[in-house]
Amino acid sequence: MVDDLIASRILLGSDSAKVTGLIGHPDHREPDLFVYDIVMNYDSDIEPKHVKTLEVHFTETLVDTAFLRNWK
């Protein structure tokens, strides 16, 4: 589903209100960045073993880029 969202490029050129209307409020927010947690896998430790996020970057008030990031 997230891959389809990125492939369709529907977010590009959208403002923050449209992004939150389409996919909800971000898990982490900065003035020019929304981050949505997609997958968070943990071992027995408190540190995540694998994290997959959707990052939506804004230039001025419109979406400039949106991509998935894998953290391992």
PDB file of N, CA and C in Angstrom:
ATOM      1  N   MET A   1       0.819  -1.187   0.000  1.00  0.00           N
ATOM      2  CA  MET A   1       0.000   0.000   0.000  1.00  0.00           C
ATOM      3  C   MET A   1       0.866   1.255   0.000  1.00  0.00           C
ATOM      4  N   VAL A   2       1.901   1.308   0.844  1.00  0.00           N
ATOM      5  CA  VAL A   2       2.785   2.464   0.880  1.00  0.00           C
ATOM      6  C   VAL A   2       3.558   2.571  -0.426  1.00  0.00           C
ATOM      7  N   ASP A   3       3.985   1.438  -0.972  1.00  0.00           N
ATOM      8  CA  ASP A   3       4.687   1.450  -2.249  1.00  0.00           C
ATOM      9  C   ASP A   3       3.810   2.044  -3.343  1.00  0.00           C
ATOM     10  N   ASP A   4       2.535   1.694  -3.348  1.00  0.00           N
ATOM     11  CA  ASP A   4       1.596   2.247  -4.332  1.00  0.00           C
ATOM     12  C   ASP A   4       1.438   3.754  -4.151  1.00  0.00           C
ATOM     13  N   LEU A   5       1.404   4.211  -2.916  1.00  0.00           N
ATOM     14  CA  LEU A   5       1.275   5.630  -2.625  1.00  0.00           C
ATOM     15  C   LEU A   5       2.464   6.402  -3.199  1.00  0.00           C
ATOM     16  N   ILE A   6       3.654   5.856  -3.038  1.00  0.00           N
ATOM     17  CA  ILE A   6       4.849   6.507  -3.567  1.00  0.00           C
ATOM     18  C   ILE A   6       4.878   6.423  -5.094  1.00  0.00           C
ATOM     19  N   ALA A   7       4.583   5.247  -5.631  1.00  0.00           N
ATOM     20  CA  ALA A   7       4.617   5.058  -7.081  1.00  0.00           C
ATOM     21  C   ALA A   7       3.610   5.955  -7.801  1.00  0.00           C
ATOM     22  N   SER A   8       2.468   6.187  -7.203  1.00  0.00           N
ATOM     23  CA  SER A   8       1.442   7.022  -7.837  1.00  0.00           C
ATOM     24  C   SER A   8       1.823   8.504  -7.842  1.00  0.00           C
ATOM     25  N   ARG A   9       2.782   8.877  -6.985  1.00  0.00           N
ATOM     26  CA  ARG A   9       3.254  10.265  -6.866  1.00  0.00           C
ATOM     27  C   ARG A   9       2.130  11.225  -6.476  1.00  0.00           C
ATOM     28  N   ILE A  10       1.082  10.704  -5.857  1.00  0.00           N
ATOM     29  CA  ILE A  10      -0.071  11.527  -5.475  1.00  0.00           C
ATOM     30  C   ILE A  10       0.280  12.582  -4.422  1.00  0.00           C
ATOM     31  N   LEU A  11       1.297  12.324  -3.621  1.00  0.00           N
ATOM     32  CA  LEU A  11       1.663  13.272  -2.568  1.00  0.00           C
ATOM     33  C   LEU A  11       2.443  14.479  -3.096  1.00  0.00           C
ATOM     34  N   LEU A  12       3.143  14.301  -4.213  1.00  0.00           N
ATOM     35  CA  LEU A  12       3.979  15.386  -4.729  1.00  0.00           C
ATOM     36  C   LEU A  12       3.134  16.611  -5.066  1.00  0.00           C
ATOM     37  N   GLY A  13       3.563  17.743  -4.584  1.00  0.00           N
ATOM     38  CA  GLY A  13       2.845  18.989  -4.809  1.00  0.00           C
ATOM     39  C   GLY A  13       1.696  19.233  -3.839  1.00  0.00           C
ATOM     40  N   SER A  14       1.464  18.297  -2.924  1.00  0.00           N
ATOM     41  CA  SER A  14       0.380  18.441  -1.940  1.00  0.00           C
ATOM     42  C   SER A  14       0.847  19.290  -0.763  1.00  0.00           C
ATOM     43  N   ASP A  15      -0.095  19.953  -0.112  1.00  0.00           N
ATOM     44  CA  ASP A  15       0.250  20.673   1.110  1.00  0.00           C
ATOM     45  C   ASP A  15       0.063  19.739   2.309  1.00  0.00           C
ATOM     46  N   SER A  16       0.451  20.205   3.488  1.00  0.00           N
ATOM     47  CA  SER A  16       0.403  19.343   4.674  1.00  0.00           C
ATOM     48  C   SER A  16      -1.018  18.916   5.027  1.00  0.00           C
ATOM     49  N   ALA A  17      -1.999  19.769   4.786  1.00  0.00           N
ATOM     50  CA  ALA A  17      -3.392  19.406   5.082  1.00  0.00           C
ATOM     51  C   ALA A  17      -3.862  18.251   4.199  1.00  0.00           C
ATOM     52  N   LYS A  18      -3.478  18.253   2.938  1.00  0.00           N
ATOM     53  CA  LYS A  18      -3.870  17.160   2.042  1.00  0.00           C
ATOM     54  C   LYS A  18      -3.186  15.858   2.446  1.00  0.00           C
ATOM     55  N   VAL A  19      -1.903  15.955   2.823  1.00  0.00           N
ATOM     56  CA  VAL A  19      -1.169  14.753   3.250  1.00  0.00           C
ATOM     57  C   VAL A  19      -1.837  14.145   4.478  1.00  0.00           C
ATOM     58  N   THR A  20      -2.140  14.954   5.493  1.00  0.00           N
ATOM     59  CA  THR A  20      -2.777  14.410   6.692  1.00  0.00           C
ATOM     60  C   THR A  20      -4.188  13.919   6.392  1.00  0.00           C
ATOM     61  N   GLY A  21      -4.869  14.533   5.447  1.00  0.00           N
ATOM     62  CA  GLY A  21      -6.188  14.050   5.049  1.00  0.00           C
ATOM     63  C   GLY A  21      -6.126  12.691   4.371  1.00  0.00           C
ATOM     64  N   LEU A  22      -5.056  12.449   3.601  1.00  0.00           N
ATOM     65  CA  LEU A  22      -4.901  11.172   2.887  1.00  0.00           C
ATOM     66  C   LEU A  22      -4.389  10.051   3.777  1.00  0.00           C
ATOM     67  N   ILE A  23      -3.379  10.347   4.598  1.00  0.00           N
ATOM     68  CA  ILE A  23      -2.736   9.255   5.348  1.00  0.00           C
ATOM     69  C   ILE A  23      -2.670   9.482   6.855  1.00  0.00           C
ATOM     70  N   GLY A  24      -3.271  10.537   7.351  1.00  0.00           N
ATOM     71  CA  GLY A  24      -3.329  10.761   8.787  1.00  0.00           C
ATOM     72  C   GLY A  24      -2.181  11.606   9.302  1.00  0.00           C
ATOM     73  N   HIS A  25      -2.184  11.827  10.600  1.00  0.00           N
ATOM     74  CA  HIS A  25      -1.157  12.645  11.241  1.00  0.00           C
ATOM     75  C   HIS A  25       0.143  11.858  11.357  1.00  0.00           C
ATOM     76  N   PRO A  26       1.265  12.513  11.152  1.00  0.00           N
ATOM     77  CA  PRO A  26       2.555  11.807  11.217  1.00  0.00           C
ATOM     78  C   PRO A  26       2.922  11.404  12.643  1.00  0.00           C
ATOM     79  N   ASP A  27       3.765  10.384  12.737  1.00  0.00           N
ATOM     80  CA  ASP A  27       4.278   9.951  14.033  1.00  0.00           C
ATOM     81  C   ASP A  27       5.333  10.918  14.552  1.00  0.00           C
ATOM     82  N   HIS A  28       6.063  11.543  13.640  1.00  0.00           N
ATOM     83  CA  HIS A  28       7.090  12.528  13.973  1.00  0.00           C
ATOM     84  C   HIS A  28       6.930  13.679  12.989  1.00  0.00           C
ATOM     85  N   ARG A  29       7.089  14.890  13.495  1.00  0.00           N
ATOM     86  CA  ARG A  29       6.862  16.052  12.638  1.00  0.00           C
ATOM     87  C   ARG A  29       7.907  17.124  12.894  1.00  0.00           C
ATOM     88  N   GLU A  30       8.418  17.683  11.817  1.00  0.00           N
ATOM     89  CA  GLU A  30       9.284  18.847  11.842  1.00  0.00           C
ATOM     90  C   GLU A  30       8.687  19.841  10.853  1.00  0.00           C
ATOM     91  N   PRO A  31       9.147  21.082  10.828  1.00  0.00           N
ATOM     92  CA  PRO A  31       8.539  22.059   9.919  1.00  0.00           C
ATOM     93  C   PRO A  31       8.536  21.646   8.445  1.00  0.00           C
ATOM     94  N   ASP A  32       9.574  20.932   8.011  1.00  0.00           N
ATOM     95  CA  ASP A  32       9.658  20.548   6.602  1.00  0.00           C
ATOM     96  C   ASP A  32       9.664  19.034   6.382  1.00  0.00           C
ATOM     97  N   LEU A  33       9.212  18.269   7.376  1.00  0.00           N
ATOM     98  CA  LEU A  33       9.280  16.813   7.289  1.00  0.00           C
ATOM     99  C   LEU A  33       8.172  16.158   8.107  1.00  0.00           C
ATOM    100  N   PHE A  34       7.473  15.199   7.497  1.00  0.00           N
ATOM    101  CA  PHE A  34       6.554  14.304   8.205  1.00  0.00           C
ATOM    102  C   PHE A  34       7.165  12.907   8.135  1.00  0.00           C
ATOM    103  N   VAL A  35       7.166  12.184   9.245  1.00  0.00           N
ATOM    104  CA  VAL A  35       7.659  10.812   9.274  1.00  0.00           C
ATOM    105  C   VAL A  35       6.552   9.916   9.821  1.00  0.00           C
ATOM    106  N   TYR A  36       6.238   8.872   9.064  1.00  0.00           N
ATOM    107  CA  TYR A  36       5.232   7.883   9.447  1.00  0.00           C
ATOM    108  C   TYR A  36       5.940   6.560   9.705  1.00  0.00           C
ATOM    109  N   ASP A  37       5.750   5.989  10.895  1.00  0.00           N
ATOM    110  CA  ASP A  37       6.318   4.672  11.201  1.00  0.00           C
ATOM    111  C   ASP A  37       5.474   3.607  10.510  1.00  0.00           C
ATOM    112  N   ILE A  38       6.118   2.799   9.670  1.00  0.00           N
ATOM    113  CA  ILE A  38       5.424   1.744   8.938  1.00  0.00           C
ATOM    114  C   ILE A  38       5.637   0.403   9.629  1.00  0.00           C
ATOM    115  N   VAL A  39       6.895   0.069   9.933  1.00  0.00           N
ATOM    116  CA  VAL A  39       7.235  -1.196  10.589  1.00  0.00           C
ATOM    117  C   VAL A  39       8.253  -0.907  11.683  1.00  0.00           C
ATOM    118  N   MET A  40       8.044  -1.498  12.855  1.00  0.00           N
ATOM    119  CA  MET A  40       9.031  -1.421  13.929  1.00  0.00           C
ATOM    120  C   MET A  40       9.142  -2.810  14.547  1.00  0.00           C
ATOM    121  N   ASN A  41      10.274  -3.469  14.318  1.00  0.00           N
ATOM    122  CA  ASN A  41      10.519  -4.804  14.870  1.00  0.00           C
ATOM    123  C   ASN A  41      11.580  -4.705  15.953  1.00  0.00           C
ATOM    124  N   TYR A  42      11.319  -5.365  17.074  1.00  0.00           N
ATOM    125  CA  TYR A  42      12.237  -5.346  18.209  1.00  0.00           C
ATOM    126  C   TYR A  42      12.740  -6.743  18.515  1.00  0.00           C
ATOM    127  N   ASP A  43      13.973  -6.813  19.027  1.00  0.00           N
ATOM    128  CA  ASP A  43      14.485  -8.029  19.637  1.00  0.00           C
ATOM    129  C   ASP A  43      14.064  -7.990  21.092  1.00  0.00           C
ATOM    130  N   SER A  44      14.792  -8.667  21.939  1.00  0.00           N
ATOM    131  CA  SER A  44      14.479  -8.638  23.368  1.00  0.00           C
ATOM    132  C   SER A  44      14.972  -7.350  24.021  1.00  0.00           C
ATOM    133  N   ASP A  45      15.724  -6.559  23.282  1.00  0.00           N
ATOM    134  CA  ASP A  45      16.249  -5.282  23.776  1.00  0.00           C
ATOM    135  C   ASP A  45      15.228  -4.171  23.504  1.00  0.00           C
ATOM    136  N   ILE A  46      15.441  -3.002  24.080  1.00  0.00           N
ATOM    137  CA  ILE A  46      14.524  -1.885  23.852  1.00  0.00           C
ATOM    138  C   ILE A  46      14.814  -1.156  22.540  1.00  0.00           C
ATOM    139  N   GLU A  47      15.991  -1.413  21.964  1.00  0.00           N
ATOM    140  CA  GLU A  47      16.347  -0.795  20.687  1.00  0.00           C
ATOM    141  C   GLU A  47      15.684  -1.550  19.536  1.00  0.00           C
ATOM    142  N   PRO A  48      15.124  -0.836  18.560  1.00  0.00           N
ATOM    143  CA  PRO A  48      14.505  -1.519  17.428  1.00  0.00           C
ATOM    144  C   PRO A  48      15.537  -2.271  16.592  1.00  0.00           C
ATOM    145  N   LYS A  49      15.139  -3.441  16.116  1.00  0.00           N
ATOM    146  CA  LYS A  49      15.985  -4.252  15.250  1.00  0.00           C
ATOM    147  C   LYS A  49      15.850  -3.768  13.804  1.00  0.00           C
ATOM    148  N   HIS A  50      14.647  -3.402  13.418  1.00  0.00           N
ATOM    149  CA  HIS A  50      14.377  -2.949  12.051  1.00  0.00           C
ATOM    150  C   HIS A  50      13.248  -1.927  12.088  1.00  0.00           C
ATOM    151  N   VAL A  51      13.443  -0.819  11.406  1.00  0.00           N
ATOM    152  CA  VAL A  51      12.421   0.228  11.329  1.00  0.00           C
ATOM    153  C   VAL A  51      12.254   0.616   9.867  1.00  0.00           C
ATOM    154  N   LYS A  52      11.007   0.712   9.434  1.00  0.00           N
ATOM    155  CA  LYS A  52      10.702   1.181   8.085  1.00  0.00           C
ATOM    156  C   LYS A  52       9.781   2.384   8.234  1.00  0.00           C
ATOM    157  N   THR A  53      10.178   3.515   7.630  1.00  0.00           N
ATOM    158  CA  THR A  53       9.399   4.740   7.752  1.00  0.00           C
ATOM    159  C   THR A  53       9.079   5.309   6.370  1.00  0.00           C
ATOM    160  N   LEU A  54       7.994   6.049   6.321  1.00  0.00           N
ATOM    161  CA  LEU A  54       7.658   6.853   5.153  1.00  0.00           C
ATOM    162  C   LEU A  54       8.036   8.281   5.506  1.00  0.00           C
ATOM    163  N   GLU A  55       8.914   8.887   4.703  1.00  0.00           N
ATOM    164  CA  GLU A  55       9.319  10.260   4.930  1.00  0.00           C
ATOM    165  C   GLU A  55       8.728  11.142   3.841  1.00  0.00           C
ATOM    166  N   VAL A  56       8.066  12.197   4.255  1.00  0.00           N
ATOM    167  CA  VAL A  56       7.458  13.156   3.336  1.00  0.00           C
ATOM    168  C   VAL A  56       8.144  14.499   3.600  1.00  0.00           C
ATOM    169  N   HIS A  57       8.907  14.955   2.615  1.00  0.00           N
ATOM    170  CA  HIS A  57       9.674  16.196   2.735  1.00  0.00           C
ATOM    171  C   HIS A  57       8.958  17.338   2.018  1.00  0.00           C
ATOM    172  N   PHE A  58       8.926  18.484   2.666  1.00  0.00           N
ATOM    173  CA  PHE A  58       8.271  19.669   2.115  1.00  0.00           C
ATOM    174  C   PHE A  58       9.310  20.716   1.707  1.00  0.00           C
ATOM    175  N   THR A  59       9.047  21.397   0.602  1.00  0.00           N
ATOM    176  CA  THR A  59       9.788  22.590   0.208  1.00  0.00           C
ATOM    177  C   THR A  59       8.782  23.717   0.286  1.00  0.00           C
ATOM    178  N   GLU A  60       9.080  24.693   1.094  1.00  0.00           N
ATOM    179  CA  GLU A  60       8.121  25.749   1.426  1.00  0.00           C
ATOM    180  C   GLU A  60       6.887  25.082   2.026  1.00  0.00           C
ATOM    181  N   THR A  61       5.765  25.015   1.322  1.00  0.00           N
ATOM    182  CA  THR A  61       4.560  24.409   1.907  1.00  0.00           C
ATOM    183  C   THR A  61       4.079  23.181   1.145  1.00  0.00           C
ATOM    184  N   LEU A  62       4.782  22.769   0.073  1.00  0.00           N
ATOM    185  CA  LEU A  62       4.337  21.650  -0.751  1.00  0.00           C
ATOM    186  C   LEU A  62       5.303  20.479  -0.670  1.00  0.00           C
ATOM    187  N   VAL A  63       4.759  19.257  -0.874  1.00  0.00           N
ATOM    188  CA  VAL A  63       5.588  18.058  -0.836  1.00  0.00           C
ATOM    189  C   VAL A  63       6.572  18.085  -1.996  1.00  0.00           C
ATOM    190  N   ASP A  64       7.830  17.894  -1.657  1.00  0.00           N
ATOM    191  CA  ASP A  64       8.904  17.850  -2.643  1.00  0.00           C
ATOM    192  C   ASP A  64       9.285  16.406  -2.954  1.00  0.00           C
ATOM    193  N   THR A  65       9.454  15.583  -1.912  1.00  0.00           N
ATOM    194  CA  THR A  65       9.794  14.170  -2.083  1.00  0.00           C
ATOM    195  C   THR A  65       9.086  13.331  -1.032  1.00  0.00           C
ATOM    196  N   ALA A  66       8.849  12.072  -1.387  1.00  0.00           N
ATOM    197  CA  ALA A  66       8.290  11.096  -0.447  1.00  0.00           C
ATOM    198  C   ALA A  66       8.964   9.764  -0.757  1.00  0.00           C
ATOM    199  N   PHE A  67       9.493   9.114   0.270  1.00  0.00           N
ATOM    200  CA  PHE A  67      10.175   7.847   0.048  1.00  0.00           C
ATOM    201  C   PHE A  67      10.172   6.998   1.312  1.00  0.00           C
ATOM    202  N   LEU A  68      10.459   5.697   1.134  1.00  0.00           N
ATOM    203  CA  LEU A  68      10.585   4.769   2.257  1.00  0.00           C
ATOM    204  C   LEU A  68      12.032   4.714   2.692  1.00  0.00           C
ATOM    205  N   ARG A  69      12.232   4.629   3.997  1.00  0.00           N
ATOM    206  CA  ARG A  69      13.594   4.477   4.533  1.00  0.00           C
ATOM    207  C   ARG A  69      13.584   3.252   5.446  1.00  0.00           C
ATOM    208  N   ASN A  70      14.574   2.383   5.237  1.00  0.00           N
ATOM    209  CA  ASN A  70      14.779   1.206   6.087  1.00  0.00           C
ATOM    210  C   ASN A  70      15.953   1.454   7.012  1.00  0.00           C
ATOM    211  N   TRP A  71      15.741   1.260   8.292  1.00  0.00           N
ATOM    212  CA  TRP A  71      16.783   1.388   9.301  1.00  0.00           C
ATOM    213  C   TRP A  71      17.012   0.012   9.895  1.00  0.00           C
ATOM    214  N   LYS A  72      18.249  -0.426   9.898  1.00  0.00           N
ATOM    215  CA  LYS A  72      18.553  -1.732  10.480  1.00  0.00           C
ATOM    216  C   LYS A  72      19.664  -1.624  11.474  1.00  0.00           C
TER     217      LYS A  72
END
